[in-house]
Amino acid sequence: PQPFMVLATQNPIEYEGTFPLPEAQLDRFLIRMFLGYPSPTDEV
């Protein structure tokens, strides 16, 4: 269906029991980003 968008997530810390994404699959993601923790004010 259109529009079509995949948002994939992965935990960069815990690698036990995971399978790293191959280059061919990483290349299909337009953007990679990190959300990060909110600031103390935003967390409140």
All heavy atoms as atom14 arrays in JSON, in Angstrom:
{
  "sequence": "PQPFMVLATQNPIEYEGTFPLPEAQLDRFLIRMFLGYPSPTDEV",
  "atom14_mask": [
    [1, 1, 1, 1, 1, 1, 1, 0, 0, 0, 0, 0, 0, 0],
    [1, 1, 1, 1, 1, 1, 1, 1, 1, 0, 0, 0, 0, 0],
    [1, 1, 1, 1, 1, 1, 1, 0, 0, 0, 0, 0, 0, 0],
    [1, 1, 1, 1, 1, 1, 1, 1, 1, 1, 1, 0, 0, 0],
    [1, 1, 1, 1, 1, 1, 1, 1, 0, 0, 0, 0, 0, 0],
    [1, 1, 1, 1, 1, 1, 1, 0, 0, 0, 0, 0, 0, 0],
    [1, 1, 1, 1, 1, 1, 1, 1, 0, 0, 0, 0, 0, 0],
    [1, 1, 1, 1, 1, 0, 0, 0, 0, 0, 0, 0, 0, 0],
    [1, 1, 1, 1, 1, 1, 1, 0, 0, 0, 0, 0, 0, 0],
    [1, 1, 1, 1, 1, 1, 1, 1, 1, 0, 0, 0, 0, 0],
    [1, 1, 1, 1, 1, 1, 1, 1, 0, 0, 0, 0, 0, 0],
    [1, 1, 1, 1, 1, 1, 1, 0, 0, 0, 0, 0, 0, 0],
    [1, 1, 1, 1, 1, 1, 1, 1, 0, 0, 0, 0, 0, 0],
    [1, 1, 1, 1, 1, 1, 1, 1, 1, 0, 0, 0, 0, 0],
    [1, 1, 1, 1, 1, 1, 1, 1, 1, 1, 1, 1, 0, 0],
    [1, 1, 1, 1, 1, 1, 1, 1, 1, 0, 0, 0, 0, 0],
    [1, 1, 1, 1, 0, 0, 0, 0, 0, 0, 0, 0, 0, 0],
    [1, 1, 1, 1, 1, 1, 1, 0, 0, 0, 0, 0, 0, 0],
    [1, 1, 1, 1, 1, 1, 1, 1, 1, 1, 1, 0, 0, 0],
    [1, 1, 1, 1, 1, 1, 1, 0, 0, 0, 0, 0, 0, 0],
    [1, 1, 1, 1, 1, 1, 1, 1, 0, 0, 0, 0, 0, 0],
    [1, 1, 1, 1, 1, 1, 1, 0, 0, 0, 0, 0, 0, 0],
    [1, 1, 1, 1, 1, 1, 1, 1, 1, 0, 0, 0, 0, 0],
    [1, 1, 1, 1, 1, 0, 0, 0, 0, 0, 0, 0, 0, 0],
    [1, 1, 1, 1, 1, 1, 1, 1, 1, 0, 0, 0, 0, 0],
    [1, 1, 1, 1, 1, 1, 1, 1, 0, 0, 0, 0, 0, 0],
    [1, 1, 1, 1, 1, 1, 1, 1, 0, 0, 0, 0, 0, 0],
    [1, 1, 1, 1, 1, 1, 1, 1, 1, 1, 1, 0, 0, 0],
    [1, 1, 1, 1, 1, 1, 1, 1, 1, 1, 1, 0, 0, 0],
    [1, 1, 1, 1, 1, 1, 1, 1, 0, 0, 0, 0, 0, 0],
    [1, 1, 1, 1, 1, 1, 1, 1, 0, 0, 0, 0, 0, 0],
    [1, 1, 1, 1, 1, 1, 1, 1, 1, 1, 1, 0, 0, 0],
    [1, 1, 1, 1, 1, 1, 1, 1, 0, 0, 0, 0, 0, 0],
    [1, 1, 1, 1, 1, 1, 1, 1, 1, 1, 1, 0, 0, 0],
    [1, 1, 1, 1, 1, 1, 1, 1, 0, 0, 0, 0, 0, 0],
    [1, 1, 1, 1, 0, 0, 0, 0, 0, 0, 0, 0, 0, 0],
    [1, 1, 1, 1, 1, 1, 1, 1, 1, 1, 1, 1, 0, 0],
    [1, 1, 1, 1, 1, 1, 1, 0, 0, 0, 0, 0, 0, 0],
    [1, 1, 1, 1, 1, 1, 0, 0, 0, 0, 0, 0, 0, 0],
    [1, 1, 1, 1, 1, 1, 1, 0, 0, 0, 0, 0, 0, 0],
    [1, 1, 1, 1, 1, 1, 1, 0, 0, 0, 0, 0, 0, 0],
    [1, 1, 1, 1, 1, 1, 1, 1, 0, 0, 0, 0, 0, 0],
    [1, 1, 1, 1, 1, 1, 1, 1, 1, 0, 0, 0, 0, 0],
    [1, 1, 1, 1, 1, 1, 1, 0, 0, 0, 0, 0, 0, 0]
  ],
  "atom14_positions": [
    [[0.85, -1.2, 0.0], [0.0, 0.0, 0.0], [0.87, 1.25, 0.0], [2.02, 1.22, 0.45], [-0.8, -0.12, 1.29], [0.05, -0.97, 2.18], [0.76, -1.94, 1.28], [0.0, 0.0, 0.0], [0.0, 0.0, 0.0], [0.0, 0.0, 0.0], [0.0, 0.0, 0.0], [0.0, 0.0, 0.0], [0.0, 0.0, 0.0], [0.0, 0.0, 0.0]],
    [[0.34, 2.32, -0.52], [1.08, 3.58, -0.58], [0.39, 4.64, 0.29], [-0.83, 4.72, 0.29], [1.17, 4.07, -2.03], [1.95, 3.14, -2.95], [3.39, 2.99, -2.52], [4.03, 3.94, -2.06], [3.93, 1.78, -2.66], [0.0, 0.0, 0.0], [0.0, 0.0, 0.0], [0.0, 0.0, 0.0], [0.0, 0.0, 0.0], [0.0, 0.0, 0.0]],
    [[1.15, 5.44, 1.01], [2.61, 5.37, 1.17], [3.02, 4.18, 2.01], [2.21, 3.61, 2.73], [2.94, 6.68, 1.88], [1.7, 6.99, 2.66], [0.55, 6.53, 1.8], [0.0, 0.0, 0.0], [0.0, 0.0, 0.0], [0.0, 0.0, 0.0], [0.0, 0.0, 0.0], [0.0, 0.0, 0.0], [0.0, 0.0, 0.0], [0.0, 0.0, 0.0]],
    [[4.3, 3.8, 1.91], [4.81, 2.64, 2.64], [6.12, 3.02, 3.31], [7.02, 3.56, 2.68], [5.02, 1.47, 1.68], [5.69, 0.28, 2.32], [5.05, -0.42, 3.34], [6.94, -0.14, 1.92], [5.65, -1.51, 3.93], [7.56, -1.23, 2.5], [6.91, -1.92, 3.52], [0.0, 0.0, 0.0], [0.0, 0.0, 0.0], [0.0, 0.0, 0.0]],
    [[6.2, 2.74, 4.61], [7.4, 3.09, 5.37], [7.65, 2.04, 6.44], [6.74, 1.63, 7.16], [7.21, 4.47, 6.04], [8.4, 4.94, 6.86], [8.05, 6.51, 7.69], [9.66, 6.9, 8.38], [0.0, 0.0, 0.0], [0.0, 0.0, 0.0], [0.0, 0.0, 0.0], [0.0, 0.0, 0.0], [0.0, 0.0, 0.0], [0.0, 0.0, 0.0]],
    [[8.9, 1.6, 6.54], [9.33, 0.67, 7.59], [10.2, 1.44, 8.58], [11.19, 2.07, 8.19], [10.13, -0.51, 7.0], [10.7, -1.37, 8.13], [9.23, -1.36, 6.1], [0.0, 0.0, 0.0], [0.0, 0.0, 0.0], [0.0, 0.0, 0.0], [0.0, 0.0, 0.0], [0.0, 0.0, 0.0], [0.0, 0.0, 0.0], [0.0, 0.0, 0.0]],
    [[9.82, 1.39, 9.85], [10.65, 1.92, 10.93], [11.16, 0.73, 11.72], [10.37, 0.05, 12.4], [9.88, 2.87, 11.84], [9.5, 4.22, 11.24], [8.06, 4.19, 10.74], [9.69, 5.34, 12.24], [0.0, 0.0, 0.0], [0.0, 0.0, 0.0], [0.0, 0.0, 0.0], [0.0, 0.0, 0.0], [0.0, 0.0, 0.0], [0.0, 0.0, 0.0]],
    [[12.44, 0.44, 11.61], [13.03, -0.69, 12.31], [13.81, -0.19, 13.51], [14.41, 0.88, 13.48], [13.95, -1.47, 11.37], [0.0, 0.0, 0.0], [0.0, 0.0, 0.0], [0.0, 0.0, 0.0], [0.0, 0.0, 0.0], [0.0, 0.0, 0.0], [0.0, 0.0, 0.0], [0.0, 0.0, 0.0], [0.0, 0.0, 0.0], [0.0, 0.0, 0.0]],
    [[13.79, -0.97, 14.59], [14.53, -0.61, 15.79], [15.49, -1.73, 16.16], [15.25, -2.9, 15.84], [13.6, -0.35, 16.98], [13.05, -1.59, 17.44], [12.47, 0.58, 16.6], [0.0, 0.0, 0.0], [0.0, 0.0, 0.0], [0.0, 0.0, 0.0], [0.0, 0.0, 0.0], [0.0, 0.0, 0.0], [0.0, 0.0, 0.0], [0.0, 0.0, 0.0]],
    [[16.59, -1.36, 16.8], [17.47, -2.36, 17.37], [18.21, -1.75, 18.55], [18.46, -0.54, 18.61], [18.44, -2.91, 16.33], [19.41, -1.93, 15.73], [20.39, -2.62, 14.77], [20.36, -3.83, 14.57], [21.26, -1.83, 14.17], [0.0, 0.0, 0.0], [0.0, 0.0, 0.0], [0.0, 0.0, 0.0], [0.0, 0.0, 0.0], [0.0, 0.0, 0.0]],
    [[18.54, -2.62, 19.5], [19.24, -2.21, 20.72], [20.75, -2.33, 20.47], [21.25, -3.43, 20.24], [18.81, -3.12, 21.88], [19.44, -2.71, 23.2], [20.33, -1.86, 23.25], [18.98, -3.33, 24.29], [0.0, 0.0, 0.0], [0.0, 0.0, 0.0], [0.0, 0.0, 0.0], [0.0, 0.0, 0.0], [0.0, 0.0, 0.0], [0.0, 0.0, 0.0]],
    [[21.48, -1.2, 20.49], [22.92, -1.27, 20.18], [23.77, -1.73, 21.36], [24.99, -1.85, 21.22], [23.23, 0.19, 19.82], [22.3, 0.98, 20.66], [21.03, 0.17, 20.76], [0.0, 0.0, 0.0], [0.0, 0.0, 0.0], [0.0, 0.0, 0.0], [0.0, 0.0, 0.0], [0.0, 0.0, 0.0], [0.0, 0.0, 0.0], [0.0, 0.0, 0.0]],
    [[23.15, -2.0, 22.51], [23.91, -2.36, 23.7], [23.94, -3.88, 23.88], [24.99, -4.48, 24.05], [23.31, -1.7, 24.96], [23.27, -0.17, 24.76], [24.12, -2.06, 26.19], [24.61, 0.46, 24.53], [0.0, 0.0, 0.0], [0.0, 0.0, 0.0], [0.0, 0.0, 0.0], [0.0, 0.0, 0.0], [0.0, 0.0, 0.0], [0.0, 0.0, 0.0]],
    [[22.78, -4.5, 23.84], [22.68, -5.93, 24.11], [22.73, -6.72, 22.8], [21.8, -6.67, 22.0], [21.36, -6.23, 24.85], [21.22, -7.68, 25.27], [19.88, -7.96, 25.93], [19.08, -7.01, 26.06], [19.64, -9.1, 26.31], [0.0, 0.0, 0.0], [0.0, 0.0, 0.0], [0.0, 0.0, 0.0], [0.0, 0.0, 0.0], [0.0, 0.0, 0.0]],
    [[23.8, -7.46, 22.6], [23.99, -8.21, 21.36], [23.81, -9.72, 21.53], [23.91, -10.45, 20.55], [25.38, -7.93, 20.78], [25.51, -6.56, 20.17], [26.26, -5.57, 20.8], [24.87, -6.24, 18.98], [26.36, -4.29, 20.25], [24.97, -4.97, 18.43], [25.72, -4.01, 19.07], [25.82, -2.75, 18.51], [0.0, 0.0, 0.0], [0.0, 0.0, 0.0]],
    [[23.56, -10.18, 22.74], [23.41, -11.61, 22.96], [22.12, -12.11, 22.28], [21.04, -11.56, 22.49], [23.37, -11.91, 24.46], [23.32, -13.4, 24.77], [23.36, -13.68, 26.26], [23.53, -12.71, 27.04], [23.21, -14.84, 26.65], [0.0, 0.0, 0.0], [0.0, 0.0, 0.0], [0.0, 0.0, 0.0], [0.0, 0.0, 0.0], [0.0, 0.0, 0.0]],
    [[22.25, -13.13, 21.46], [21.09, -13.7, 20.78], [20.59, -12.86, 19.62], [19.43, -12.98, 19.23], [0.0, 0.0, 0.0], [0.0, 0.0, 0.0], [0.0, 0.0, 0.0], [0.0, 0.0, 0.0], [0.0, 0.0, 0.0], [0.0, 0.0, 0.0], [0.0, 0.0, 0.0], [0.0, 0.0, 0.0], [0.0, 0.0, 0.0], [0.0, 0.0, 0.0]],
    [[21.45, -12.02, 19.06], [21.05, -11.18, 17.93], [21.82, -11.58, 16.67], [22.83, -12.28, 16.73], [21.31, -9.69, 18.21], [22.72, -9.48, 18.39], [20.57, -9.24, 19.45], [0.0, 0.0, 0.0], [0.0, 0.0, 0.0], [0.0, 0.0, 0.0], [0.0, 0.0, 0.0], [0.0, 0.0, 0.0], [0.0, 0.0, 0.0], [0.0, 0.0, 0.0]],
    [[21.31, -11.13, 15.53], [21.92, -11.38, 14.23], [22.15, -10.03, 13.56], [21.19, -9.36, 13.17], [21.01, -12.25, 13.36], [20.67, -13.58, 13.98], [19.58, -13.7, 14.84], [21.43, -14.71, 13.72], [19.25, -14.91, 15.42], [21.12, -15.94, 14.3], [20.03, -16.03, 15.14], [0.0, 0.0, 0.0], [0.0, 0.0, 0.0], [0.0, 0.0, 0.0]],
    [[23.4, -9.58, 13.47], [23.68, -8.26, 12.88], [23.07, -8.11, 11.49], [23.07, -9.06, 10.7], [25.2, -8.21, 12.83], [25.65, -9.19, 13.87], [24.62, -10.28, 13.88], [0.0, 0.0, 0.0], [0.0, 0.0, 0.0], [0.0, 0.0, 0.0], [0.0, 0.0, 0.0], [0.0, 0.0, 0.0], [0.0, 0.0, 0.0], [0.0, 0.0, 0.0]],
    [[22.54, -6.93, 11.2], [21.92, -6.69, 9.9], [23.0, -6.72, 8.82], [24.04, -6.08, 8.95], [21.22, -5.33, 9.88], [20.09, -5.12, 10.88], [19.47, -3.75, 10.69], [19.02, -6.19, 10.74], [0.0, 0.0, 0.0], [0.0, 0.0, 0.0], [0.0, 0.0, 0.0], [0.0, 0.0, 0.0], [0.0, 0.0, 0.0], [0.0, 0.0, 0.0]],
    [[22.78, -7.46, 7.75], [23.76, -7.49, 6.65], [23.79, -6.14, 5.92], [22.86, -5.34, 6.0], [23.24, -8.61, 5.74], [21.77, -8.68, 6.02], [21.62, -8.33, 7.47], [0.0, 0.0, 0.0], [0.0, 0.0, 0.0], [0.0, 0.0, 0.0], [0.0, 0.0, 0.0], [0.0, 0.0, 0.0], [0.0, 0.0, 0.0], [0.0, 0.0, 0.0]],
    [[24.89, -5.92, 5.2], [25.08, -4.65, 4.51], [23.96, -4.37, 3.52], [23.52, -3.23, 3.35], [26.43, -4.64, 3.78], [27.63, -4.53, 4.7], [27.86, -5.81, 5.5], [27.56, -6.91, 4.98], [28.33, -5.72, 6.64], [0.0, 0.0, 0.0], [0.0, 0.0, 0.0], [0.0, 0.0, 0.0], [0.0, 0.0, 0.0], [0.0, 0.0, 0.0]],
    [[23.48, -5.42, 2.83], [22.42, -5.24, 1.84], [21.15, -4.71, 2.48], [20.41, -3.92, 1.86], [22.13, -6.56, 1.13], [0.0, 0.0, 0.0], [0.0, 0.0, 0.0], [0.0, 0.0, 0.0], [0.0, 0.0, 0.0], [0.0, 0.0, 0.0], [0.0, 0.0, 0.0], [0.0, 0.0, 0.0], [0.0, 0.0, 0.0], [0.0, 0.0, 0.0]],
    [[20.88, -5.11, 3.71], [19.67, -4.64, 4.38], [19.88, -3.24, 4.97], [18.99, -2.39, 4.9], [19.27, -5.61, 5.49], [17.91, -5.29, 6.12], [17.4, -6.43, 6.98], [17.9, -7.54, 6.9], [16.42, -6.15, 7.8], [0.0, 0.0, 0.0], [0.0, 0.0, 0.0], [0.0, 0.0, 0.0], [0.0, 0.0, 0.0], [0.0, 0.0, 0.0]],
    [[21.06, -2.99, 5.54], [21.34, -1.65, 6.06], [21.25, -0.61, 4.95], [20.79, 0.51, 5.17], [22.74, -1.62, 6.67], [22.9, -2.21, 8.08], [24.37, -2.27, 8.46], [22.12, -1.39, 9.09], [0.0, 0.0, 0.0], [0.0, 0.0, 0.0], [0.0, 0.0, 0.0], [0.0, 0.0, 0.0], [0.0, 0.0, 0.0], [0.0, 0.0, 0.0]],
    [[21.68, -0.99, 3.75], [21.7, -0.07, 2.63], [20.31, 0.35, 2.19], [20.14, 1.36, 1.51], [22.44, -0.71, 1.45], [23.0, 0.32, 0.48], [23.38, 1.42, 0.95], [23.04, 0.05, -0.72], [0.0, 0.0, 0.0], [0.0, 0.0, 0.0], [0.0, 0.0, 0.0], [0.0, 0.0, 0.0], [0.0, 0.0, 0.0], [0.0, 0.0, 0.0]],
    [[19.3, -0.41, 2.58], [17.93, -0.09, 2.18], [17.26, 0.9, 3.12], [16.14, 1.33, 2.86], [17.1, -1.37, 2.07], [17.35, -2.14, 0.78], [16.77, -3.56, 0.83], [16.77, -4.17, -0.49], [17.82, -4.7, -1.11], [19.0, -4.65, -0.51], [17.72, -5.26, -2.3], [0.0, 0.0, 0.0], [0.0, 0.0, 0.0], [0.0, 0.0, 0.0]],
    [[17.92, 1.24, 4.21], [17.38, 2.25, 5.12], [17.85, 3.62, 4.67], [19.05, 3.87, 4.56], [17.8, 1.98, 6.56], [17.11, 0.82, 7.2], [17.74, -0.4, 7.32], [15.81, 0.94, 7.65], [17.1, -1.49, 7.9], [15.15, -0.13, 8.23], [15.8, -1.36, 8.36], [0.0, 0.0, 0.0], [0.0, 0.0, 0.0], [0.0, 0.0, 0.0]],
    [[16.9, 4.51, 4.43], [17.24, 5.86, 3.99], [18.02, 6.6, 5.06], [19.02, 7.28, 4.77], [15.95, 6.62, 3.66], [16.12, 8.03, 3.1], [16.51, 7.97, 1.63], [14.83, 8.83, 3.26], [0.0, 0.0, 0.0], [0.0, 0.0, 0.0], [0.0, 0.0, 0.0], [0.0, 0.0, 0.0], [0.0, 0.0, 0.0], [0.0, 0.0, 0.0]],
    [[17.59, 6.47, 6.31], [18.17, 7.21, 7.44], [18.37, 6.28, 8.61], [17.55, 5.4, 8.88], [17.24, 8.38, 7.85], [17.21, 9.46, 6.77], [17.68, 8.99, 9.18], [16.21, 10.56, 7.05], [0.0, 0.0, 0.0], [0.0, 0.0, 0.0], [0.0, 0.0, 0.0], [0.0, 0.0, 0.0], [0.0, 0.0, 0.0], [0.0, 0.0, 0.0]],
    [[19.48, 6.46, 9.31], [19.67, 5.83, 10.61], [19.88, 6.93, 11.65], [20.64, 7.86, 11.41], [20.89, 4.9, 10.62], [21.07, 4.19, 11.97], [22.36, 3.41, 12.05], [23.54, 4.27, 12.04], [24.78, 3.82, 12.19], [25.0, 2.54, 12.35], [25.79, 4.68, 12.14], [0.0, 0.0, 0.0], [0.0, 0.0, 0.0], [0.0, 0.0, 0.0]],
    [[19.21, 6.79, 12.78], [19.35, 7.82, 13.81], [19.29, 7.19, 15.19], [18.93, 6.02, 15.36], [18.27, 8.89, 13.67], [16.9, 8.46, 14.12], [15.76, 9.86, 14.22], [14.29, 9.05, 14.86], [0.0, 0.0, 0.0], [0.0, 0.0, 0.0], [0.0, 0.0, 0.0], [0.0, 0.0, 0.0], [0.0, 0.0, 0.0], [0.0, 0.0, 0.0]],
    [[19.65, 7.98, 16.2], [19.59, 7.6, 17.6], [18.69, 8.6, 18.32], [18.87, 9.81, 18.18], [21.0, 7.62, 18.21], [22.0, 6.76, 17.47], [22.69, 7.28, 16.38], [22.24, 5.46, 17.86], [23.61, 6.5, 15.7], [23.15, 4.67, 17.18], [23.84, 5.19, 16.09], [0.0, 0.0, 0.0], [0.0, 0.0, 0.0], [0.0, 0.0, 0.0]],
    [[17.73, 8.09, 19.08], [16.81, 8.99, 19.8], [17.49, 9.61, 21.02], [17.44, 10.81, 21.23], [15.56, 8.24, 20.23], [14.39, 8.21, 19.23], [13.25, 7.37, 19.77], [13.91, 9.61, 18.92], [0.0, 0.0, 0.0], [0.0, 0.0, 0.0], [0.0, 0.0, 0.0], [0.0, 0.0, 0.0], [0.0, 0.0, 0.0], [0.0, 0.0, 0.0]],
    [[18.12, 8.8, 21.85], [18.79, 9.32, 23.03], [17.83, 9.61, 24.18], [16.61, 9.67, 24.0], [0.0, 0.0, 0.0], [0.0, 0.0, 0.0], [0.0, 0.0, 0.0], [0.0, 0.0, 0.0], [0.0, 0.0, 0.0], [0.0, 0.0, 0.0], [0.0, 0.0, 0.0], [0.0, 0.0, 0.0], [0.0, 0.0, 0.0], [0.0, 0.0, 0.0]],
    [[18.41, 9.78, 25.35], [17.6, 10.09, 26.53], [17.11, 11.54, 26.49], [17.8, 12.42, 25.95], [18.43, 9.9, 27.81], [18.76, 8.46, 28.13], [20.07, 8.02, 28.13], [17.75, 7.55, 28.43], [20.38, 6.7, 28.43], [18.04, 6.24, 28.74], [19.37, 5.81, 28.73], [19.66, 4.5, 29.02], [0.0, 0.0, 0.0], [0.0, 0.0, 0.0]],
    [[15.94, 11.81, 27.05], [15.49, 13.21, 27.14], [16.26, 13.96, 28.21], [16.86, 13.36, 29.11], [14.0, 13.07, 27.52], [13.93, 11.77, 28.26], [14.96, 10.87, 27.62], [0.0, 0.0, 0.0], [0.0, 0.0, 0.0], [0.0, 0.0, 0.0], [0.0, 0.0, 0.0], [0.0, 0.0, 0.0], [0.0, 0.0, 0.0], [0.0, 0.0, 0.0]],
    [[16.23, 15.27, 28.13], [16.84, 16.09, 29.18], [16.0, 15.96, 30.45], [14.82, 15.56, 30.4], [16.9, 17.55, 28.73], [15.59, 18.08, 28.61], [0.0, 0.0, 0.0], [0.0, 0.0, 0.0], [0.0, 0.0, 0.0], [0.0, 0.0, 0.0], [0.0, 0.0, 0.0], [0.0, 0.0, 0.0], [0.0, 0.0, 0.0], [0.0, 0.0, 0.0]],
    [[16.57, 16.27, 31.62], [15.78, 16.19, 32.86], [14.48, 16.99, 32.81], [13.44, 16.54, 33.3], [16.75, 16.74, 33.92], [18.11, 16.44, 33.38], [17.98, 16.6, 31.89], [0.0, 0.0, 0.0], [0.0, 0.0, 0.0], [0.0, 0.0, 0.0], [0.0, 0.0, 0.0], [0.0, 0.0, 0.0], [0.0, 0.0, 0.0], [0.0, 0.0, 0.0]],
    [[14.53, 18.18, 32.21], [13.32, 19.0, 32.11], [12.27, 18.32, 31.25], [11.08, 18.28, 31.61], [13.66, 20.38, 31.53], [14.65, 21.02, 32.33], [12.41, 21.26, 31.47], [0.0, 0.0, 0.0], [0.0, 0.0, 0.0], [0.0, 0.0, 0.0], [0.0, 0.0, 0.0], [0.0, 0.0, 0.0], [0.0, 0.0, 0.0], [0.0, 0.0, 0.0]],
    [[12.71, 17.76, 30.1], [11.77, 17.08, 29.21], [11.23, 15.8, 29.86], [10.07, 15.43, 29.64], [12.45, 16.75, 27.88], [12.73, 17.98, 27.05], [11.99, 18.96, 27.2], [13.7, 17.97, 26.26], [0.0, 0.0, 0.0], [0.0, 0.0, 0.0], [0.0, 0.0, 0.0], [0.0, 0.0, 0.0], [0.0, 0.0, 0.0], [0.0, 0.0, 0.0]],
    [[12.06, 15.13, 30.65], [11.61, 13.89, 31.28], [10.52, 14.17, 32.32], [9.59, 13.38, 32.49], [12.79, 13.16, 31.91], [12.49, 11.72, 32.26], [13.74, 10.89, 32.47], [14.86, 11.42, 32.27], [13.61, 9.71, 32.83], [0.0, 0.0, 0.0], [0.0, 0.0, 0.0], [0.0, 0.0, 0.0], [0.0, 0.0, 0.0], [0.0, 0.0, 0.0]],
    [[10.65, 15.3, 33.02], [9.59, 15.71, 33.96], [8.3, 15.97, 33.19], [7.2, 15.61, 33.63], [10.01, 16.95, 34.76], [8.83, 17.51, 35.55], [11.16, 16.62, 35.69], [0.0, 0.0, 0.0], [0.0, 0.0, 0.0], [0.0, 0.0, 0.0], [0.0, 0.0, 0.0], [0.0, 0.0, 0.0], [0.0, 0.0, 0.0], [0.0, 0.0, 0.0]]
  ]
}
